[in-house]
């Protein structure tokens, strides 16, 4: 119904706000912000460090307006923050707050943004019947400066291998926090494997909205997990994808990577570094969460079964029950480098 934000991530021009279907003003100058240096058209008053607070305040304004609406209709608010993505630009009042450098300060400001929105829900009487989900789209980027963070004893990937863009768990495992008073038990946890794609089916289940056969083909409702009413895996398996197009599929404790190396930005990177390496990697995540030992040779039956399952998903154009769908282009599930 309404939109306010930017056209892409904050390191991609044009550097200008968009409100609904129009830019806010005209980009009459060129700018770039820190790393990476991508020069492009910009509004003269647009500054990268203002985007997070501006988007946050717009979200707060929306919640407040809903609170003042006499009908107090249900609403859906999606707030994809530009932080802590590049450019890493914390406002002056957050610099030094984390004690672990500029990236940590930007994370602190991200926490502030979430807090402002949650406070707005509370202030306007929505807290008791609103589902709030806070999560991320991928693992941490090397732009956070891992060596600098390591000096403070901090590893954004925790015990997981790799980071953003990789096929390894460090590229995909993120925090998923949900709050829904009276529905989600406070302090509860779930060991279900979930994906951001699942939010579509979840919202549809909550609202009772029908999902067409050709929509959300890989989305599974998380509602049973949120309500604590599930005793078996909600997903048959989980498909991963790295930045170079490499696939992996995870089922239970097993994770099969159909590529050598990381498939992304960490070593061994695709190309010369992976030449001669096994074309598949199988990891037992129950005993080897760090994905340090490739056990594909010891478990050919698992490799075959998971490969066949992934191919089945490709052939059907979906990983959930329903009418087969057509893929957008040819899908090759294995890569040799």
C-alpha atoms as a PDB file:
ATOM      1  CA  UNK A   1       0.000   0.000   0.000  1.00  0.00           C
ATOM      2  CA  UNK A   2       2.832   2.390   0.849  1.00  0.00           C
ATOM      3  CA  UNK A   3       6.588   2.343   0.352  1.00  0.00           C
ATOM      4  CA  UNK A   4       9.518   4.403   1.548  1.00  0.00           C
ATOM      5  CA  UNK A   5      13.136   3.421   1.079  1.00  0.00           C
ATOM      6  CA  UNK A   6      15.949   3.068  -1.431  1.00  0.00           C
ATOM      7  CA  UNK A   7      16.228   1.180  -4.706  1.00  0.00           C
ATOM      8  CA  UNK A   8      18.718  -1.498  -3.605  1.00  0.00           C
ATOM      9  CA  UNK A   9      21.402  -1.924  -0.955  1.00  0.00           C
ATOM     10  CA  UNK A  10      22.981   1.325   0.166  1.00  0.00           C
ATOM     11  CA  UNK A  11      26.185   0.693  -1.806  1.00  0.00           C
ATOM     12  CA  UNK A  12      24.274   0.732  -5.117  1.00  0.00           C
ATOM     13  CA  UNK A  13      23.162   3.912  -6.915  1.00  0.00           C
ATOM     14  CA  UNK A  14      20.981   5.842  -7.424  1.00  0.00           C
ATOM     15  CA  UNK A  15      21.432   7.431  -4.005  1.00  0.00           C
ATOM     16  CA  UNK A  16      17.982   8.878  -3.452  1.00  0.00           C
ATOM     17  CA  UNK A  17      14.855   8.043  -1.480  1.00  0.00           C
ATOM     18  CA  UNK A  18      11.811   6.555  -3.188  1.00  0.00           C
ATOM     19  CA  UNK A  19       8.342   7.146  -1.817  1.00  0.00           C
ATOM     20  CA  UNK A  20       5.674   4.887  -3.303  1.00  0.00           C
ATOM     21  CA  UNK A  21       6.446   5.047  -7.054  1.00  0.00           C
ATOM     22  CA  UNK A  22       8.367   8.356  -7.208  1.00  0.00           C
ATOM     23  CA  UNK A  23      11.811   9.535  -6.200  1.00  0.00           C
ATOM     24  CA  UNK A  24      11.926  12.149  -3.453  1.00  0.00           C
ATOM     25  CA  UNK A  25      13.451  14.933  -5.506  1.00  0.00           C
ATOM     26  CA  UNK A  26      15.782  14.604  -8.472  1.00  0.00           C
ATOM     27  CA  UNK A  27      19.340  13.169  -8.486  1.00  0.00           C
ATOM     28  CA  UNK A  28      21.388  16.120  -9.708  1.00  0.00           C
ATOM     29  CA  UNK A  29      24.859  15.192  -8.371  1.00  0.00           C
ATOM     30  CA  UNK A  30      27.122  12.143  -8.151  1.00  0.00           C
ATOM     31  CA  UNK A  31      28.208  10.489  -4.910  1.00  0.00           C
ATOM     32  CA  UNK A  32      29.706   7.329  -3.436  1.00  0.00           C
ATOM     33  CA  UNK A  33      30.019   6.164   0.160  1.00  0.00           C
ATOM     34  CA  UNK A  34      33.018   4.362   1.650  1.00  0.00           C
ATOM     35  CA  UNK A  35      33.479   0.721   0.555  1.00  0.00           C
ATOM     36  CA  UNK A  36      32.712  -0.297  -2.137  1.00  0.00           C
ATOM     37  CA  UNK A  37      33.222   2.936  -4.085  1.00  0.00           C
ATOM     38  CA  UNK A  38      30.303   2.904  -6.490  1.00  0.00           C
ATOM     39  CA  UNK A  39      29.856   6.372  -7.929  1.00  0.00           C
ATOM     40  CA  UNK A  40      26.369   7.131  -9.152  1.00  0.00           C
ATOM     41  CA  UNK A  41      23.586   9.707  -9.406  1.00  0.00           C
ATOM     42  CA  UNK A  42      22.415  11.087  -6.079  1.00  0.00           C
ATOM     43  CA  UNK A  43      20.209  13.689  -4.482  1.00  0.00           C
ATOM     44  CA  UNK A  44      22.228  16.626  -3.198  1.00  0.00           C
ATOM     45  CA  UNK A  45      20.951  16.118   0.376  1.00  0.00           C
ATOM     46  CA  UNK A  46      21.221  12.312   0.452  1.00  0.00           C
ATOM     47  CA  UNK A  47      23.785  10.994   2.958  1.00  0.00           C
ATOM     48  CA  UNK A  48      24.347   7.307   3.681  1.00  0.00           C
ATOM     49  CA  UNK A  49      24.500   7.698   7.454  1.00  0.00           C
ATOM     50  CA  UNK A  50      20.975   9.167   7.491  1.00  0.00           C
ATOM     51  CA  UNK A  51      19.278   6.203   5.822  1.00  0.00           C
ATOM     52  CA  UNK A  52      18.972   3.880   8.831  1.00  0.00           C
ATOM     53  CA  UNK A  53      17.481   6.529  11.145  1.00  0.00           C
ATOM     54  CA  UNK A  54      15.229   7.871   8.363  1.00  0.00           C
ATOM     55  CA  UNK A  55      13.831   4.437   7.473  1.00  0.00           C
ATOM     56  CA  UNK A  56      13.408   3.634  11.167  1.00  0.00           C
ATOM     57  CA  UNK A  57      11.476   6.827  11.840  1.00  0.00           C
ATOM     58  CA  UNK A  58       9.230   6.191   8.818  1.00  0.00           C
ATOM     59  CA  UNK A  59       8.434   2.748  10.226  1.00  0.00           C
ATOM     60  CA  UNK A  60       7.663   4.275  13.624  1.00  0.00           C
ATOM     61  CA  UNK A  61       5.438   6.861  11.934  1.00  0.00           C
ATOM     62  CA  UNK A  62       3.528   4.110  10.125  1.00  0.00           C
ATOM     63  CA  UNK A  63       2.891   2.205  13.359  1.00  0.00           C
ATOM     64  CA  UNK A  64       1.796   5.424  15.088  1.00  0.00           C
ATOM     65  CA  UNK A  65      -0.630   6.260  12.275  1.00  0.00           C
ATOM     66  CA  UNK A  66      -2.099   2.762  12.520  1.00  0.00           C
ATOM     67  CA  UNK A  67      -2.507   3.318  16.226  1.00  0.00           C
ATOM     68  CA  UNK A  68      -4.444   6.524  15.634  1.00  0.00           C
ATOM     69  CA  UNK A  69      -6.716   4.879  13.071  1.00  0.00           C
ATOM     70  CA  UNK A  70     -10.168   4.490  14.617  1.00  0.00           C
ATOM     71  CA  UNK A  71     -10.660   1.125  12.874  1.00  0.00           C
ATOM     72  CA  UNK A  72      -7.253  -0.177  14.020  1.00  0.00           C
ATOM     73  CA  UNK A  73      -7.028  -2.580  11.082  1.00  0.00           C
ATOM     74  CA  UNK A  74      -4.405  -5.364  11.069  1.00  0.00           C
ATOM     75  CA  UNK A  75      -1.245  -4.403   9.196  1.00  0.00           C
ATOM     76  CA  UNK A  76       1.881  -5.953   7.753  1.00  0.00           C
ATOM     77  CA  UNK A  77       5.097  -3.949   8.039  1.00  0.00           C
ATOM     78  CA  UNK A  78       8.298  -5.091   6.331  1.00  0.00           C
ATOM     79  CA  UNK A  79      11.423  -3.157   7.298  1.00  0.00           C
ATOM     80  CA  UNK A  80      14.588  -4.415   5.535  1.00  0.00           C
ATOM     81  CA  UNK A  81      17.318  -2.369   7.194  1.00  0.00           C
ATOM     82  CA  UNK A  82      20.313  -1.126   5.221  1.00  0.00           C
ATOM     83  CA  UNK A  83      22.460  -2.135   8.201  1.00  0.00           C
ATOM     84  CA  UNK A  84      24.807  -3.702   8.977  1.00  0.00           C
ATOM     85  CA  UNK A  85      25.420  -4.029   5.218  1.00  0.00           C
ATOM     86  CA  UNK A  86      27.982  -1.853   3.457  1.00  0.00           C
ATOM     87  CA  UNK A  87      28.619   1.003   3.547  1.00  0.00           C
ATOM     88  CA  UNK A  88      29.277   0.718   7.274  1.00  0.00           C
ATOM     89  CA  UNK A  89      28.162   4.157   8.408  1.00  0.00           C
ATOM     90  CA  UNK A  90      27.064   4.395  12.064  1.00  0.00           C
ATOM     91  CA  UNK A  91      25.849   7.799  13.212  1.00  0.00           C
ATOM     92  CA  UNK A  92      28.163   9.794  15.454  1.00  0.00           C
ATOM     93  CA  UNK A  93      26.217   8.950  18.610  1.00  0.00           C
ATOM     94  CA  UNK A  94      26.866   5.227  18.074  1.00  0.00           C
ATOM     95  CA  UNK A  95      30.583   5.402  17.329  1.00  0.00           C
ATOM     96  CA  UNK A  96      32.469   3.647  20.134  1.00  0.00           C
ATOM     97  CA  UNK A  97      29.292   2.138  21.608  1.00  0.00           C
ATOM     98  CA  UNK A  98      30.130  -1.502  20.860  1.00  0.00           C
ATOM     99  CA  UNK A  99      33.770  -1.512  21.882  1.00  0.00           C
ATOM    100  CA  UNK A 100      34.567  -3.718  18.862  1.00  0.00           C
ATOM    101  CA  UNK A 101      35.004  -1.152  16.114  1.00  0.00           C
ATOM    102  CA  UNK A 102      32.864   0.526  13.502  1.00  0.00           C
ATOM    103  CA  UNK A 103      31.060  -2.616  12.353  1.00  0.00           C
ATOM    104  CA  UNK A 104      30.044  -3.418  15.924  1.00  0.00           C
ATOM    105  CA  UNK A 105      28.824   0.154  16.315  1.00  0.00           C
ATOM    106  CA  UNK A 106      26.641  -0.258  13.216  1.00  0.00           C
ATOM    107  CA  UNK A 107      25.208  -3.443  14.689  1.00  0.00           C
ATOM    108  CA  UNK A 108      24.411  -1.496  17.860  1.00  0.00           C
ATOM    109  CA  UNK A 109      22.592   1.077  15.777  1.00  0.00           C
ATOM    110  CA  UNK A 110      20.666  -1.751  14.101  1.00  0.00           C
ATOM    111  CA  UNK A 111      19.575  -2.917  17.566  1.00  0.00           C
ATOM    112  CA  UNK A 112      18.475   0.649  18.280  1.00  0.00           C
ATOM    113  CA  UNK A 113      16.377   0.658  15.087  1.00  0.00           C
ATOM    114  CA  UNK A 114      14.604  -2.559  16.040  1.00  0.00           C
ATOM    115  CA  UNK A 115      14.041  -1.189  19.535  1.00  0.00           C
ATOM    116  CA  UNK A 116      12.453   1.992  18.197  1.00  0.00           C
ATOM    117  CA  UNK A 117       9.941  -0.024  16.161  1.00  0.00           C
ATOM    118  CA  UNK A 118       9.157  -2.431  19.009  1.00  0.00           C
ATOM    119  CA  UNK A 119       8.657   0.549  21.332  1.00  0.00           C
ATOM    120  CA  UNK A 120       6.245   2.079  18.813  1.00  0.00           C
ATOM    121  CA  UNK A 121       4.197  -1.123  18.851  1.00  0.00           C
ATOM    122  CA  UNK A 122       4.102  -0.948  22.645  1.00  0.00           C
ATOM    123  CA  UNK A 123       3.262   2.761  22.747  1.00  0.00           C
ATOM    124  CA  UNK A 124       0.367   2.308  20.337  1.00  0.00           C
ATOM    125  CA  UNK A 125      -1.167  -0.750  21.988  1.00  0.00           C
ATOM    126  CA  UNK A 126      -0.146  -3.342  19.414  1.00  0.00           C
ATOM    127  CA  UNK A 127       2.381  -5.384  21.397  1.00  0.00           C
ATOM    128  CA  UNK A 128      -0.002  -7.990  22.799  1.00  0.00           C
ATOM    129  CA  UNK A 129      -1.387  -9.155  19.457  1.00  0.00           C
ATOM    130  CA  UNK A 130       1.412  -8.524  16.961  1.00  0.00           C
ATOM    131  CA  UNK A 131       3.873 -11.065  15.628  1.00  0.00           C
ATOM    132  CA  UNK A 132       7.337  -9.510  15.430  1.00  0.00           C
ATOM    133  CA  UNK A 133      10.137 -11.334  13.586  1.00  0.00           C
ATOM    134  CA  UNK A 134      13.747 -10.181  13.502  1.00  0.00           C
ATOM    135  CA  UNK A 135      16.170 -12.037  11.238  1.00  0.00           C
ATOM    136  CA  UNK A 136      18.782 -11.576   8.510  1.00  0.00           C
ATOM    137  CA  UNK A 137      19.190 -12.590   4.890  1.00  0.00           C
ATOM    138  CA  UNK A 138      22.674 -14.121   5.026  1.00  0.00           C
ATOM    139  CA  UNK A 139      25.870 -14.499   7.021  1.00  0.00           C
ATOM    140  CA  UNK A 140      28.322 -11.708   7.761  1.00  0.00           C
ATOM    141  CA  UNK A 141      30.314 -10.077   4.949  1.00  0.00           C
ATOM    142  CA  UNK A 142      34.136  -9.896   4.983  1.00  0.00           C
ATOM    143  CA  UNK A 143      33.673  -6.125   4.759  1.00  0.00           C
ATOM    144  CA  UNK A 144      33.071  -6.292   8.509  1.00  0.00           C
ATOM    145  CA  UNK A 145      36.871  -6.830   8.770  1.00  0.00           C
ATOM    146  CA  UNK A 146      37.160 -10.251  10.398  1.00  0.00           C
ATOM    147  CA  UNK A 147      40.829  -9.794  11.502  1.00  0.00           C
ATOM    148  CA  UNK A 148      39.927  -6.572  13.305  1.00  0.00           C
ATOM    149  CA  UNK A 149      36.972  -8.225  15.034  1.00  0.00           C
ATOM    150  CA  UNK A 150      39.128 -11.217  15.968  1.00  0.00           C
ATOM    151  CA  UNK A 151      41.367  -8.886  17.984  1.00  0.00           C
ATOM    152  CA  UNK A 152      38.355  -8.347  20.232  1.00  0.00           C
ATOM    153  CA  UNK A 153      37.674 -12.104  20.411  1.00  0.00           C
ATOM    154  CA  UNK A 154      34.648 -11.845  18.140  1.00  0.00           C
ATOM    155  CA  UNK A 155      33.811 -14.110  15.175  1.00  0.00           C
ATOM    156  CA  UNK A 156      30.555 -13.127  13.386  1.00  0.00           C
ATOM    157  CA  UNK A 157      30.256 -16.687  12.027  1.00  0.00           C
ATOM    158  CA  UNK A 158      30.513 -18.185  15.533  1.00  0.00           C
ATOM    159  CA  UNK A 159      31.484 -21.861  15.136  1.00  0.00           C
ATOM    160  CA  UNK A 160      30.336 -22.106  11.528  1.00  0.00           C
ATOM    161  CA  UNK A 161      32.585 -22.314   8.480  1.00  0.00           C
ATOM    162  CA  UNK A 162      32.609 -19.536   5.896  1.00  0.00           C
ATOM    163  CA  UNK A 163      30.579 -16.353   5.611  1.00  0.00           C
ATOM    164  CA  UNK A 164      28.314 -14.430   3.259  1.00  0.00           C
ATOM    165  CA  UNK A 165      28.256 -15.789  -0.339  1.00  0.00           C
ATOM    166  CA  UNK A 166      29.539 -19.260   0.661  1.00  0.00           C
ATOM    167  CA  UNK A 167      27.812 -22.628   0.481  1.00  0.00           C
ATOM    168  CA  UNK A 168      28.997 -23.334   4.029  1.00  0.00           C
ATOM    169  CA  UNK A 169      26.866 -22.775   7.140  1.00  0.00           C
ATOM    170  CA  UNK A 170      28.500 -19.441   7.944  1.00  0.00           C
ATOM    171  CA  UNK A 171      26.898 -18.099   4.803  1.00  0.00           C
ATOM    172  CA  UNK A 172      23.390 -19.212   5.708  1.00  0.00           C
ATOM    173  CA  UNK A 173      22.876 -19.566   9.464  1.00  0.00           C
ATOM    174  CA  UNK A 174      21.408 -16.399  10.918  1.00  0.00           C
ATOM    175  CA  UNK A 175      19.499 -15.368  13.991  1.00  0.00           C
ATOM    176  CA  UNK A 176      15.710 -15.814  13.894  1.00  0.00           C
ATOM    177  CA  UNK A 177      13.864 -14.225  16.797  1.00  0.00           C
ATOM    178  CA  UNK A 178      10.077 -14.109  17.056  1.00  0.00           C
ATOM    179  CA  UNK A 179       7.770 -12.464  19.625  1.00  0.00           C
ATOM    180  CA  UNK A 180       4.017 -13.032  19.741  1.00  0.00           C
ATOM    181  CA  UNK A 181       2.487 -12.737  23.242  1.00  0.00           C
ATOM    182  CA  UNK A 182      -0.098 -15.390  23.994  1.00  0.00           C
ATOM    183  CA  UNK A 183       0.982 -17.442  20.989  1.00  0.00           C
ATOM    184  CA  UNK A 184       4.746 -18.022  21.269  1.00  0.00           C
ATOM    185  CA  UNK A 185       5.895 -19.216  24.688  1.00  0.00           C
ATOM    186  CA  UNK A 186       8.352 -16.741  26.169  1.00  0.00           C
ATOM    187  CA  UNK A 187      11.910 -18.038  26.192  1.00  0.00           C
ATOM    188  CA  UNK A 188      11.076 -21.037  24.019  1.00  0.00           C
ATOM    189  CA  UNK A 189      13.366 -22.375  21.292  1.00  0.00           C
ATOM    190  CA  UNK A 190      12.907 -24.593  18.248  1.00  0.00           C
ATOM    191  CA  UNK A 191      15.362 -26.831  16.408  1.00  0.00           C
ATOM    192  CA  UNK A 192      13.380 -26.662  13.152  1.00  0.00           C
ATOM    193  CA  UNK A 193      15.354 -25.692  10.063  1.00  0.00           C
ATOM    194  CA  UNK A 194      13.629 -22.699   8.488  1.00  0.00           C
ATOM    195  CA  UNK A 195      14.206 -20.320   5.582  1.00  0.00           C
ATOM    196  CA  UNK A 196      13.139 -16.761   4.897  1.00  0.00           C
ATOM    197  CA  UNK A 197      11.088 -18.179   2.016  1.00  0.00           C
ATOM    198  CA  UNK A 198       8.895 -19.764   4.701  1.00  0.00           C
ATOM    199  CA  UNK A 199       7.548 -16.400   5.840  1.00  0.00           C
ATOM    200  CA  UNK A 200       5.222 -16.302   2.822  1.00  0.00           C
ATOM    201  CA  UNK A 201       3.415 -19.540   3.713  1.00  0.00           C
ATOM    202  CA  UNK A 202       3.473 -18.613   7.403  1.00  0.00           C
ATOM    203  CA  UNK A 203       1.694 -15.303   6.884  1.00  0.00           C
ATOM    204  CA  UNK A 204      -0.769 -17.015   4.538  1.00  0.00           C
ATOM    205  CA  UNK A 205      -1.529 -19.609   7.230  1.00  0.00           C
ATOM    206  CA  UNK A 206      -2.033 -16.945   9.897  1.00  0.00           C
ATOM    207  CA  UNK A 207      -4.359 -14.845   7.750  1.00  0.00           C
ATOM    208  CA  UNK A 208      -6.117 -17.744   6.049  1.00  0.00           C
ATOM    209  CA  UNK A 209      -5.115 -16.470   2.616  1.00  0.00           C
ATOM    210  CA  UNK A 210      -5.026 -19.085  -0.177  1.00  0.00           C
ATOM    211  CA  UNK A 211      -1.691 -19.674  -1.928  1.00  0.00           C
ATOM    212  CA  UNK A 212      -1.897 -20.220  -5.706  1.00  0.00           C
ATOM    213  CA  UNK A 213      -0.227 -23.345  -7.119  1.00  0.00           C
ATOM    214  CA  UNK A 214       2.371 -21.240  -8.928  1.00  0.00           C
ATOM    215  CA  UNK A 215       3.365 -19.137  -5.904  1.00  0.00           C
ATOM    216  CA  UNK A 216       5.678 -19.792  -2.946  1.00  0.00           C
ATOM    217  CA  UNK A 217       6.700 -23.191  -4.324  1.00  0.00           C
ATOM    218  CA  UNK A 218       9.475 -23.502  -1.727  1.00  0.00           C
ATOM    219  CA  UNK A 219       7.656 -21.983   1.238  1.00  0.00           C
ATOM    220  CA  UNK A 220       6.626 -23.982   4.321  1.00  0.00           C
ATOM    221  CA  UNK A 221       4.460 -22.555   7.093  1.00  0.00           C
ATOM    222  CA  UNK A 222       6.363 -22.083  10.342  1.00  0.00           C
ATOM    223  CA  UNK A 223       3.170 -21.556  12.309  1.00  0.00           C
ATOM    224  CA  UNK A 224       3.293 -24.979  14.046  1.00  0.00           C
ATOM    225  CA  UNK A 225       6.864 -24.287  15.178  1.00  0.00           C
ATOM    226  CA  UNK A 226       5.979 -20.802  16.413  1.00  0.00           C
ATOM    227  CA  UNK A 227       3.076 -22.212  18.403  1.00  0.00           C
ATOM    228  CA  UNK A 228       5.167 -25.109  19.756  1.00  0.00           C
ATOM    229  CA  UNK A 229       2.891 -27.681  18.131  1.00  0.00           C
ATOM    230  CA  UNK A 230       5.289 -29.691  16.012  1.00  0.00           C
ATOM    231  CA  UNK A 231       7.085 -32.955  16.704  1.00  0.00           C
ATOM    232  CA  UNK A 232       8.631 -33.693  13.302  1.00  0.00           C
ATOM    233  CA  UNK A 233      10.574 -31.673  10.724  1.00  0.00           C
ATOM    234  CA  UNK A 234       8.391 -29.154   8.898  1.00  0.00           C
ATOM    235  CA  UNK A 235      10.621 -29.272   5.828  1.00  0.00           C
ATOM    236  CA  UNK A 236      11.547 -32.442   3.969  1.00  0.00           C
ATOM    237  CA  UNK A 237      14.929 -30.875   3.186  1.00  0.00           C
ATOM    238  CA  UNK A 238      16.542 -27.456   2.802  1.00  0.00           C
ATOM    239  CA  UNK A 239      18.206 -26.235  -0.388  1.00  0.00           C
ATOM    240  CA  UNK A 240      21.189 -23.871  -0.189  1.00  0.00           C
ATOM    241  CA  UNK A 241      22.712 -21.767  -2.953  1.00  0.00           C
ATOM    242  CA  UNK A 242      26.031 -19.893  -3.071  1.00  0.00           C
ATOM    243  CA  UNK A 243      26.956 -16.771  -4.983  1.00  0.00           C
ATOM    244  CA  UNK A 244      28.529 -18.648  -7.920  1.00  0.00           C
ATOM    245  CA  UNK A 245      25.466 -20.853  -8.410  1.00  0.00           C
ATOM    246  CA  UNK A 246      26.557 -23.857  -6.379  1.00  0.00           C
ATOM    247  CA  UNK A 247      23.854 -25.949  -4.705  1.00  0.00           C
ATOM    248  CA  UNK A 248      23.693 -27.798  -1.416  1.00  0.00           C
ATOM    249  CA  UNK A 249      20.878 -29.755   0.161  1.00  0.00           C
ATOM    250  CA  UNK A 250      20.472 -30.482   3.857  1.00  0.00           C
ATOM    251  CA  UNK A 251      18.299 -33.171   5.413  1.00  0.00           C
ATOM    252  CA  UNK A 252      18.507 -34.023   9.088  1.00  0.00           C
ATOM    253  CA  UNK A 253      22.157 -34.194  10.079  1.00  0.00           C
ATOM    254  CA  UNK A 254      23.408 -34.523   6.504  1.00  0.00           C
ATOM    255  CA  UNK A 255      24.428 -31.667   4.238  1.00  0.00           C
ATOM    256  CA  UNK A 256      25.528 -32.357   0.664  1.00  0.00           C
ATOM    257  CA  UNK A 257      27.403 -29.647  -1.243  1.00  0.00           C
ATOM    258  CA  UNK A 258      27.459 -30.331  -4.972  1.00  0.00           C
ATOM    259  CA  UNK A 259      30.655 -28.398  -5.587  1.00  0.00           C
ATOM    260  CA  UNK A 260      34.272 -28.345  -4.462  1.00  0.00           C
ATOM    261  CA  UNK A 261      35.272 -25.579  -2.060  1.00  0.00           C
ATOM    262  CA  UNK A 262      33.174 -22.703  -0.770  1.00  0.00           C
ATOM    263  CA  UNK A 263      31.346 -21.762  -3.952  1.00  0.00           C
ATOM    264  CA  UNK A 264      31.827 -18.203  -2.732  1.00  0.00           C
ATOM    265  CA  UNK A 265      34.301 -15.779  -1.200  1.00  0.00           C
ATOM    266  CA  UNK A 266      36.142 -17.828   1.428  1.00  0.00           C
ATOM    267  CA  UNK A 267      38.931 -20.311   0.751  1.00  0.00           C
ATOM    268  CA  UNK A 268      39.004 -22.558  -1.164  1.00  0.00           C
ATOM    269  CA  UNK A 269      37.407 -20.231  -3.689  1.00  0.00           C
ATOM    270  CA  UNK A 270      36.035 -21.482  -7.014  1.00  0.00           C
ATOM    271  CA  UNK A 271      38.682 -21.690  -9.732  1.00  0.00           C
ATOM    272  CA  UNK A 272      42.342 -22.642  -9.425  1.00  0.00           C
ATOM    273  CA  UNK A 273      42.088 -23.303  -5.689  1.00  0.00           C
ATOM    274  CA  UNK A 274      39.478 -26.041  -6.152  1.00  0.00           C
ATOM    275  CA  UNK A 275      41.003 -27.747  -9.181  1.00  0.00           C
ATOM    276  CA  UNK A 276      41.383 -31.459  -8.430  1.00  0.00           C
ATOM    277  CA  UNK A 277      39.213 -31.319  -5.307  1.00  0.00           C
ATOM    278  CA  UNK A 278      36.296 -33.772  -4.907  1.00  0.00           C
ATOM    279  CA  UNK A 279      33.239 -32.501  -6.827  1.00  0.00           C
ATOM    280  CA  UNK A 280      30.935 -33.223  -3.888  1.00  0.00           C
ATOM    281  CA  UNK A 281      31.206 -32.613  -0.153  1.00  0.00           C
ATOM    282  CA  UNK A 282      29.134 -34.382   2.482  1.00  0.00           C
ATOM    283  CA  UNK A 283      29.123 -33.203   6.085  1.00  0.00           C
ATOM    284  CA  UNK A 284      27.606 -34.713   9.218  1.00  0.00           C
ATOM    285  CA  UNK A 285      26.424 -31.549  10.951  1.00  0.00           C
ATOM    286  CA  UNK A 286      25.550 -33.453  14.131  1.00  0.00           C
ATOM    287  CA  UNK A 287      29.195 -34.274  14.806  1.00  0.00           C
ATOM    288  CA  UNK A 288      30.958 -31.728  12.589  1.00  0.00           C
ATOM    289  CA  UNK A 289      29.125 -28.400  12.694  1.00  0.00           C
ATOM    290  CA  UNK A 290      32.270 -26.687  11.426  1.00  0.00           C
ATOM    291  CA  UNK A 291      32.142 -28.709   8.166  1.00  0.00           C
ATOM    292  CA  UNK A 292      35.770 -29.753   8.490  1.00  0.00           C
ATOM    293  CA  UNK A 293      35.574 -33.373   7.273  1.00  0.00           C
ATOM    294  CA  UNK A 294      34.178 -34.420   3.904  1.00  0.00           C
ATOM    295  CA  UNK A 295      32.645 -37.882   4.435  1.00  0.00           C
ATOM    296  CA  UNK A 296      31.167 -38.314   0.944  1.00  0.00           C
ATOM    297  CA  UNK A 297      33.400 -41.321   0.187  1.00  0.00           C
ATOM    298  CA  UNK A 298      32.195 -43.123   3.325  1.00  0.00           C
ATOM    299  CA  UNK A 299      28.488 -42.556   2.619  1.00  0.00           C
ATOM    300  CA  UNK A 300      27.790 -42.957  -1.117  1.00  0.00           C
ATOM    301  CA  UNK A 301      24.188 -43.948  -0.363  1.00  0.00           C
ATOM    302  CA  UNK A 302      23.536 -40.609   1.358  1.00  0.00           C
ATOM    303  CA  UNK A 303      25.185 -38.720  -1.511  1.00  0.00           C
ATOM    304  CA  UNK A 304      22.992 -40.537  -4.031  1.00  0.00           C
ATOM    305  CA  UNK A 305      19.774 -40.075  -2.067  1.00  0.00           C
ATOM    306  CA  UNK A 306      20.280 -36.352  -1.496  1.00  0.00           C
ATOM    307  CA  UNK A 307      21.399 -35.761  -5.080  1.00  0.00           C
ATOM    308  CA  UNK A 308      18.280 -37.511  -6.338  1.00  0.00           C
ATOM    309  CA  UNK A 309      16.064 -35.500  -3.985  1.00  0.00           C
ATOM    310  CA  UNK A 310      17.509 -32.207  -5.193  1.00  0.00           C
ATOM    311  CA  UNK A 311      17.089 -33.282  -8.810  1.00  0.00           C
ATOM    312  CA  UNK A 312      13.484 -34.214  -8.002  1.00  0.00           C
ATOM    313  CA  UNK A 313      12.879 -30.679  -6.713  1.00  0.00           C
ATOM    314  CA  UNK A 314      14.339 -29.280  -9.937  1.00  0.00           C
ATOM    315  CA  UNK A 315      12.252 -31.592 -12.104  1.00  0.00           C
ATOM    316  CA  UNK A 316       9.064 -30.662 -10.238  1.00  0.00           C
ATOM    317  CA  UNK A 317       9.901 -26.974 -10.042  1.00  0.00           C
ATOM    318  CA  UNK A 318       9.197 -26.976  -6.315  1.00  0.00           C
ATOM    319  CA  UNK A 319      10.274 -28.497  -2.991  1.00  0.00           C
ATOM    320  CA  UNK A 320       6.786 -28.615  -1.444  1.00  0.00           C
ATOM    321  CA  UNK A 321       3.750 -30.744  -2.300  1.00  0.00           C
ATOM    322  CA  UNK A 322       1.643 -29.358  -5.138  1.00  0.00           C
ATOM    323  CA  UNK A 323       1.322 -29.041  -8.884  1.00  0.00           C
ATOM    324  CA  UNK A 324       4.666 -29.258 -10.751  1.00  0.00           C
ATOM    325  CA  UNK A 325       5.921 -25.871 -11.925  1.00  0.00           C
ATOM    326  CA  UNK A 326       8.253 -24.710 -14.659  1.00  0.00           C
ATOM    327  CA  UNK A 327      11.711 -23.418 -13.731  1.00  0.00           C
ATOM    328  CA  UNK A 328      12.938 -20.113 -15.099  1.00  0.00           C
ATOM    329  CA  UNK A 329      15.731 -21.480 -17.277  1.00  0.00           C
ATOM    330  CA  UNK A 330      17.909 -24.565 -17.147  1.00  0.00           C
ATOM    331  CA  UNK A 331      19.018 -25.669 -13.674  1.00  0.00           C
ATOM    332  CA  UNK A 332      22.326 -27.502 -13.261  1.00  0.00           C
ATOM    333  CA  UNK A 333      22.690 -28.862  -9.748  1.00  0.00           C
ATOM    334  CA  UNK A 334      26.416 -29.775  -9.866  1.00  0.00           C
ATOM    335  CA  UNK A 335      29.514 -27.650 -10.412  1.00  0.00           C
ATOM    336  CA  UNK A 336      33.037 -28.944 -10.969  1.00  0.00           C
ATOM    337  CA  UNK A 337      34.816 -25.787  -9.828  1.00  0.00           C
END
